[in-house]
Amino acid sequence: MTQCIPSASAARFAWWKPLLFLAVVVIGLWYVKWQPYYGKAFTAAETHSIGKSILANAADSPWRAALDYAMVYFLAVWKAAVLGVILGSLVQVLVPRSWLMRLMGDSRFGSTLVGTGLGLPGMMCSCCAAPVTAGLRQSQVSSGAAMAFWLANPLLNPATLIFMGFVLGWNVAAIRLVAGLIMVLGIAWLVQRSVPDQVVAAPVTVTHDEQPFLTRWLRVMWRLFCNTIPLYIVAVLLLGAARVWLFPHANGAVGNTLIWVMLMAIAGCLFVIPTAAEIPIVQTMMLAGMGIAPALALLVTLPAVSVPSLLMLHRAFPARALWIALIGVACSGMLLGVLGLWLA
């Protein structure tokens, strides 16, 4: 009789943990993403704008520019960043690892497709999706599936595509959708092929079910916070100071040339923005004289990766995987920009 008690206990706890995780996901995303974006879509349809460029009115002093940008940026993303850390920690203690391994644990392309699909409802920027991606990797999700989940959040964000259609045109939104899908699947496939999956080291205490749930969750969340958020804050401050040089707004400064396509693709990979902020940035810069080719490069590189988001994942992926993501996004932006030059 005593041998039946552990299995009965395990069966009893098997259902409420994933249900609790699902409830947190739905409530959190509804509050932080779905409900605000629903109203914002009507604003975009009526005004053909979703607000001012986050890069506008940069201070002359790098220190002042860093503080100003960090304040505006974190006010825009703090709810999503908190939700990202919560979900990234809860996925490790509430979702059975065997479930995740069956869905996203092997190296086949099907796992990459699952990761892509799971990234769509999140609608997070690359930095806010990074803690969830790190949590998935901690649960031994394959590198390709985790990379697809991370990139799909910003690149295939359904709300961003709708905003983009109303503000920049549905042809631009269609280009972004096709390019984003190719980037997500292609880069994730390259990562899976080039980087052998390794078990991500985790403290033994994380998997000990005999510890209270709250204790295990707080341990995991604190470790995730320490591995991601401090680097995130520092990198945002540094990029805020550099935004004047990365994105010139002078009339006619960013022409429809190959050199500007390359420069904007690289700058877009380095800089950090909130969700959908690439739309007002590109809209403002095009009004200031930027050509369509560098605009297309920015539209796929700005949301996809950034220095802060790459740093946040330095423990979740081998360095080679992050380099593949960075170079893959930069080259994709350049190729799309070259296509824009050819069509112009």
Protein backbone atom coordinates (compact mmCIF):
# COMPACT_ATOMS: atom_id res chain seq x y z
CA MET A 1 0.00 0.00 0.00
CA THR A 2 2.79 2.43 0.82
CA GLN A 3 4.26 2.01 -2.68
CA CYS A 4 1.00 3.27 -4.24
CA ILE A 5 1.04 6.58 -2.37
CA PRO A 6 3.76 8.35 -4.42
CA SER A 7 2.20 7.42 -7.75
CA ALA A 8 -1.26 8.53 -6.57
CA SER A 9 0.25 11.80 -5.39
CA ALA A 10 2.00 12.30 -8.72
CA ALA A 11 -1.25 11.64 -10.57
CA ARG A 12 -3.08 14.09 -8.34
CA PHE A 13 -0.59 16.86 -9.01
CA ALA A 14 -0.21 16.16 -12.73
CA TRP A 15 -3.31 18.10 -13.77
CA TRP A 16 -3.29 21.30 -11.71
CA LYS A 17 0.25 22.38 -12.58
CA PRO A 18 -0.18 22.72 -16.36
CA LEU A 19 -3.67 24.15 -15.82
CA LEU A 20 -2.25 26.80 -13.51
CA PHE A 21 0.45 27.61 -16.06
CA LEU A 22 -2.15 27.92 -18.83
CA ALA A 23 -4.25 30.24 -16.64
CA VAL A 24 -1.24 32.49 -15.95
CA VAL A 25 -0.41 32.56 -19.66
CA VAL A 26 -3.93 33.50 -20.74
CA ILE A 27 -4.56 36.07 -17.99
CA GLY A 28 -1.08 37.58 -18.30
CA LEU A 29 -1.14 37.87 -22.08
CA TRP A 30 -4.68 39.23 -22.08
CA TYR A 31 -3.75 41.96 -19.61
CA VAL A 32 -0.33 42.83 -21.04
CA LYS A 33 -0.78 42.16 -24.78
CA TRP A 34 -4.12 41.05 -26.20
CA GLN A 35 -6.49 43.61 -24.66
CA PRO A 36 -4.23 46.68 -25.21
CA TYR A 37 -3.44 45.65 -28.79
CA TYR A 38 -7.12 45.17 -29.60
CA GLY A 39 -7.77 48.84 -28.88
CA LYS A 40 -4.56 49.92 -30.57
CA ALA A 41 -5.63 48.27 -33.82
CA PHE A 42 -8.64 50.60 -34.06
CA THR A 43 -6.36 53.58 -33.41
CA ALA A 44 -4.04 52.47 -36.20
CA ALA A 45 -6.98 52.03 -38.59
CA GLU A 46 -8.39 55.48 -37.83
CA THR A 47 -5.22 57.57 -37.61
CA HIS A 48 -2.73 55.50 -39.66
CA SER A 49 -0.32 55.89 -36.77
CA ILE A 50 0.44 54.09 -33.51
CA GLY A 51 2.35 56.93 -31.88
CA LYS A 52 5.61 58.82 -32.01
CA SER A 53 8.97 57.28 -32.83
CA ILE A 54 10.75 56.16 -29.68
CA LEU A 55 13.97 57.49 -31.22
CA ALA A 56 12.72 61.05 -31.61
CA ASN A 57 14.05 64.03 -29.64
CA ALA A 58 17.33 62.48 -28.55
CA ALA A 59 19.37 64.57 -26.11
CA ASP A 60 22.82 65.81 -27.10
CA SER A 61 24.47 64.38 -23.99
CA PRO A 62 24.99 60.58 -24.20
CA TRP A 63 24.30 60.27 -20.47
CA ARG A 64 21.05 62.23 -20.76
CA ALA A 65 20.10 60.30 -23.91
CA ALA A 66 20.72 57.00 -22.12
CA LEU A 67 18.52 57.93 -19.16
CA ASP A 68 15.78 59.39 -21.33
CA TYR A 69 15.61 56.38 -23.61
CA ALA A 70 15.78 53.89 -20.75
CA MET A 71 12.87 55.60 -19.01
CA VAL A 72 10.69 55.67 -22.13
CA TYR A 73 11.65 52.12 -23.07
CA PHE A 74 11.12 50.50 -19.68
CA LEU A 75 7.80 52.30 -19.17
CA ALA A 76 6.69 50.68 -22.42
CA VAL A 77 7.91 47.14 -21.70
CA TRP A 78 8.04 46.62 -17.94
CA LYS A 79 4.76 44.70 -17.74
CA ALA A 80 5.79 42.35 -20.54
CA ALA A 81 9.27 41.97 -19.04
CA VAL A 82 7.80 40.96 -15.67
CA LEU A 83 5.42 38.54 -17.39
CA GLY A 84 8.33 37.08 -19.34
CA VAL A 85 10.29 36.31 -16.18
CA ILE A 86 7.20 34.84 -14.51
CA LEU A 87 6.38 32.59 -17.46
CA GLY A 88 10.03 31.63 -17.98
CA SER A 89 10.23 30.43 -14.40
CA LEU A 90 6.80 28.82 -14.20
CA VAL A 91 7.35 26.76 -17.35
CA GLN A 92 10.18 25.03 -15.51
CA VAL A 93 8.18 24.07 -12.42
CA LEU A 94 4.60 23.67 -13.68
CA VAL A 95 4.87 22.06 -17.12
CA PRO A 96 6.09 18.45 -17.08
CA ARG A 97 9.42 18.25 -18.84
CA SER A 98 8.29 15.10 -20.63
CA TRP A 99 5.49 17.10 -22.29
CA LEU A 100 7.90 19.74 -23.54
CA MET A 101 10.33 17.10 -24.75
CA ARG A 102 7.60 15.38 -26.77
CA LEU A 103 6.48 18.67 -28.32
CA MET A 104 9.78 20.48 -28.84
CA GLY A 105 12.54 18.22 -27.65
CA ASP A 106 13.87 16.57 -30.79
CA SER A 107 15.89 17.90 -33.70
CA ARG A 108 13.24 17.31 -36.36
CA PHE A 109 11.70 20.22 -38.26
CA GLY A 110 8.36 19.50 -36.61
CA SER A 111 9.70 20.78 -33.28
CA THR A 112 10.73 24.01 -34.99
CA LEU A 113 7.22 24.41 -36.37
CA VAL A 114 5.75 23.86 -32.90
CA GLY A 115 8.09 26.47 -31.44
CA THR A 116 7.05 28.91 -34.16
CA GLY A 117 3.38 28.32 -33.49
CA LEU A 118 3.74 28.74 -29.74
CA GLY A 119 5.52 32.04 -30.28
CA LEU A 120 2.63 33.64 -32.18
CA PRO A 121 0.21 34.37 -29.29
CA GLY A 122 3.00 35.77 -27.09
CA MET A 123 3.45 38.90 -29.23
CA MET A 124 6.50 39.86 -27.15
CA CYS A 125 9.58 41.81 -28.15
CA SER A 126 12.85 39.88 -28.33
CA CYS A 127 13.91 40.94 -24.82
CA CYS A 128 10.63 40.07 -23.11
CA ALA A 129 10.52 36.72 -24.93
CA ALA A 130 14.10 35.93 -23.89
CA PRO A 131 13.31 34.79 -20.29
CA VAL A 132 10.61 32.43 -21.57
CA THR A 133 13.05 31.08 -24.16
CA ALA A 134 15.66 30.59 -21.45
CA GLY A 135 13.09 28.71 -19.38
CA LEU A 136 12.28 26.44 -22.30
CA ARG A 137 15.96 25.72 -22.84
CA GLN A 138 16.32 24.95 -19.12
CA SER A 139 13.60 22.34 -19.66
CA GLN A 140 15.74 20.83 -22.47
CA VAL A 141 13.69 22.04 -25.41
CA SER A 142 15.72 21.67 -28.61
CA SER A 143 17.82 24.62 -29.77
CA GLY A 144 15.91 24.91 -33.05
CA ALA A 145 12.48 24.94 -31.40
CA ALA A 146 13.56 27.44 -28.75
CA MET A 147 15.16 29.70 -31.37
CA ALA A 148 11.99 29.55 -33.48
CA PHE A 149 9.87 30.47 -30.45
CA TRP A 150 12.13 33.42 -29.63
CA LEU A 151 12.22 34.84 -33.16
CA ALA A 152 8.54 34.19 -33.91
CA ASN A 153 7.41 36.37 -31.00
CA PRO A 154 8.60 39.67 -32.53
CA LEU A 155 8.84 38.80 -36.24
CA LEU A 156 5.47 37.07 -36.70
CA ASN A 157 3.52 39.10 -34.13
CA PRO A 158 -0.05 39.20 -35.54
CA ALA A 159 -0.81 42.55 -33.87
CA THR A 160 2.32 44.17 -35.32
CA LEU A 161 1.40 42.95 -38.80
CA ILE A 162 -2.07 44.46 -38.47
CA PHE A 163 -0.65 47.77 -37.21
CA MET A 164 1.86 47.73 -40.06
CA GLY A 165 -0.86 47.20 -42.63
CA PHE A 166 -2.87 50.18 -41.43
CA VAL A 167 0.17 52.48 -41.00
CA LEU A 168 2.67 51.50 -43.72
CA GLY A 169 0.47 49.60 -46.15
CA TRP A 170 -0.65 46.02 -46.54
CA ASN A 171 1.98 45.35 -49.17
CA VAL A 172 4.67 46.18 -46.60
CA ALA A 173 2.92 43.98 -44.01
CA ALA A 174 2.84 41.09 -46.50
CA ILE A 175 6.56 41.49 -47.22
CA ARG A 176 7.28 41.48 -43.49
CA LEU A 177 5.16 38.36 -42.98
CA VAL A 178 6.86 36.37 -45.74
CA ALA A 179 10.34 37.57 -44.81
CA GLY A 180 9.70 36.95 -41.11
CA LEU A 181 8.49 33.40 -41.71
CA ILE A 182 11.54 32.60 -43.83
CA MET A 183 13.84 34.12 -41.22
CA VAL A 184 12.28 32.29 -38.27
CA LEU A 185 12.28 28.86 -39.89
CA GLY A 186 15.59 29.31 -41.71
CA ILE A 187 17.59 30.61 -38.76
CA ALA A 188 16.08 28.05 -36.39
CA TRP A 189 16.94 25.28 -38.86
CA LEU A 190 20.52 26.53 -39.14
CA VAL A 191 20.85 26.67 -35.36
CA GLN A 192 19.48 23.15 -34.99
CA ARG A 193 21.85 21.82 -37.66
CA SER A 194 24.92 23.69 -36.46
CA VAL A 195 24.60 23.48 -32.70
CA PRO A 196 24.25 20.05 -31.06
CA ASP A 197 21.75 20.11 -28.24
CA GLN A 198 23.21 19.88 -24.78
CA VAL A 199 21.50 19.45 -21.47
CA VAL A 200 21.33 22.85 -19.78
CA ALA A 201 22.73 22.52 -16.30
CA ALA A 202 20.24 23.17 -13.53
CA PRO A 203 20.51 22.96 -9.75
CA VAL A 204 19.16 19.73 -8.35
CA THR A 205 16.73 21.64 -6.16
CA VAL A 206 14.64 22.67 -9.15
CA THR A 207 13.39 19.17 -9.81
CA HIS A 208 12.82 18.05 -6.23
CA ASP A 209 9.05 17.75 -5.91
CA GLU A 210 9.35 17.23 -2.17
CA GLN A 211 10.13 20.92 -1.77
CA PRO A 212 7.17 23.33 -1.52
CA PHE A 213 6.07 24.69 -4.88
CA LEU A 214 6.55 28.31 -3.85
CA THR A 215 10.12 27.62 -2.72
CA ARG A 216 11.05 25.91 -5.97
CA TRP A 217 9.42 28.61 -8.08
CA LEU A 218 11.14 31.47 -6.26
CA ARG A 219 14.51 29.72 -6.62
CA VAL A 220 14.03 29.30 -10.36
CA MET A 221 12.69 32.82 -10.84
CA TRP A 222 15.55 34.41 -8.91
CA ARG A 223 18.13 32.52 -10.95
CA LEU A 224 16.40 33.48 -14.18
CA PHE A 225 16.20 37.12 -13.08
CA CYS A 226 19.91 37.26 -12.20
CA ASN A 227 20.93 35.64 -15.49
CA THR A 228 18.93 38.01 -17.68
CA ILE A 229 17.76 41.31 -16.19
CA PRO A 230 20.99 43.04 -14.98
CA LEU A 231 22.67 42.65 -18.39
CA TYR A 232 19.43 43.76 -20.00
CA ILE A 233 19.32 47.04 -18.07
CA VAL A 234 22.97 47.90 -18.68
CA ALA A 235 22.74 47.16 -22.41
CA VAL A 236 19.60 49.31 -22.79
CA LEU A 237 21.37 52.25 -21.15
CA LEU A 238 24.39 51.91 -23.42
CA LEU A 239 22.28 51.67 -26.56
CA GLY A 240 20.18 54.63 -25.43
CA ALA A 241 23.36 56.69 -25.35
CA ALA A 242 24.30 55.52 -28.86
CA ARG A 243 20.93 56.01 -30.55
CA VAL A 244 21.85 59.41 -32.07
CA TRP A 245 24.66 57.84 -34.11
CA LEU A 246 22.80 54.63 -34.94
CA PHE A 247 19.70 56.30 -36.39
CA PRO A 248 20.19 59.70 -38.04
CA HIS A 249 16.96 61.64 -38.63
CA ALA A 250 18.27 64.46 -40.81
CA ASN A 251 16.25 65.09 -43.96
CA GLY A 252 17.56 62.97 -46.79
CA ALA A 253 20.34 61.49 -44.64
CA VAL A 254 19.34 57.85 -45.21
CA GLY A 255 19.19 57.45 -48.95
CA ASN A 256 18.04 54.54 -51.08
CA THR A 257 21.54 53.09 -51.50
CA LEU A 258 23.28 49.82 -50.77
CA ILE A 259 25.54 51.31 -48.12
CA TRP A 260 22.55 52.60 -46.17
CA VAL A 261 20.83 49.24 -46.49
CA MET A 262 23.86 47.57 -44.92
CA LEU A 263 24.23 50.20 -42.19
CA MET A 264 20.54 50.14 -41.23
CA ALA A 265 20.48 46.32 -41.20
CA ILE A 266 23.43 46.25 -38.79
CA ALA A 267 22.04 49.07 -36.63
CA GLY A 268 18.68 47.31 -36.48
CA CYS A 269 20.33 44.15 -35.17
CA LEU A 270 22.08 46.05 -32.40
CA PHE A 271 19.34 48.34 -31.11
CA VAL A 272 16.52 47.45 -28.73
CA ILE A 273 12.88 48.54 -29.09
CA PRO A 274 9.49 47.70 -27.59
CA THR A 275 6.96 45.62 -29.50
CA ALA A 276 5.86 47.23 -32.80
CA ALA A 277 8.09 50.29 -32.24
CA GLU A 278 9.73 49.64 -35.60
CA ILE A 279 6.55 50.96 -37.27
CA PRO A 280 6.66 54.58 -36.01
CA ILE A 281 10.47 54.56 -36.30
CA VAL A 282 10.35 53.65 -39.98
CA GLN A 283 7.35 55.92 -40.60
CA THR A 284 9.19 58.91 -39.10
CA MET A 285 12.44 58.18 -40.92
CA MET A 286 10.67 57.75 -44.25
CA LEU A 287 8.94 61.10 -43.77
CA ALA A 288 12.41 62.52 -43.18
CA GLY A 289 13.61 61.14 -46.52
CA MET A 290 14.69 57.56 -45.90
CA GLY A 291 14.37 55.27 -48.93
CA ILE A 292 12.22 52.13 -49.08
CA ALA A 293 15.23 49.78 -49.23
CA PRO A 294 16.79 50.72 -45.85
CA ALA A 295 13.25 50.92 -44.45
CA LEU A 296 12.64 47.27 -45.35
CA ALA A 297 15.96 46.32 -43.77
CA LEU A 298 14.94 48.03 -40.52
CA LEU A 299 11.47 46.48 -40.50
CA VAL A 300 12.91 42.96 -40.12
CA THR A 301 16.11 43.61 -38.14
CA LEU A 302 14.87 46.05 -35.49
CA PRO A 303 12.36 43.68 -33.84
CA ALA A 304 14.18 40.39 -34.41
CA VAL A 305 17.31 40.63 -32.26
CA SER A 306 19.21 43.18 -30.21
CA VAL A 307 22.33 43.32 -28.09
CA PRO A 308 20.31 43.14 -24.82
CA SER A 309 18.23 40.16 -25.96
CA LEU A 310 21.31 38.28 -27.14
CA LEU A 311 23.04 38.93 -23.82
CA MET A 312 19.98 37.71 -21.95
CA LEU A 313 20.29 34.34 -23.70
CA HIS A 314 24.03 33.88 -23.23
CA ARG A 315 23.44 31.01 -20.78
CA ALA A 316 20.58 29.43 -22.71
CA PHE A 317 22.34 28.94 -26.05
CA PRO A 318 25.95 28.29 -27.05
CA ALA A 319 27.69 31.36 -28.44
CA ARG A 320 27.61 29.85 -31.93
CA ALA A 321 23.81 29.73 -31.91
CA LEU A 322 23.55 33.41 -30.96
CA TRP A 323 26.07 34.37 -33.64
CA ILE A 324 24.04 32.44 -36.21
CA ALA A 325 20.92 34.34 -35.11
CA LEU A 326 22.66 37.72 -35.26
CA ILE A 327 24.34 37.16 -38.63
CA GLY A 328 21.25 35.49 -40.06
CA VAL A 329 19.04 38.44 -39.15
CA ALA A 330 21.57 40.98 -40.45
CA CYS A 331 21.99 39.15 -43.77
CA SER A 332 18.22 38.77 -44.11
CA GLY A 333 17.78 42.50 -43.63
CA MET A 334 20.43 43.24 -46.23
CA LEU A 335 18.92 40.83 -48.74
CA LEU A 336 15.46 42.31 -48.25
CA GLY A 337 16.92 45.80 -48.65
CA VAL A 338 18.68 44.78 -51.87
CA LEU A 339 15.35 43.44 -53.12
CA GLY A 340 13.86 46.83 -52.31
CA LEU A 341 16.61 48.54 -54.32
CA TRP A 342 15.92 46.25 -57.27
CA LEU A 343 12.17 46.91 -57.16
CA ALA A 344 12.48 50.67 -56.61
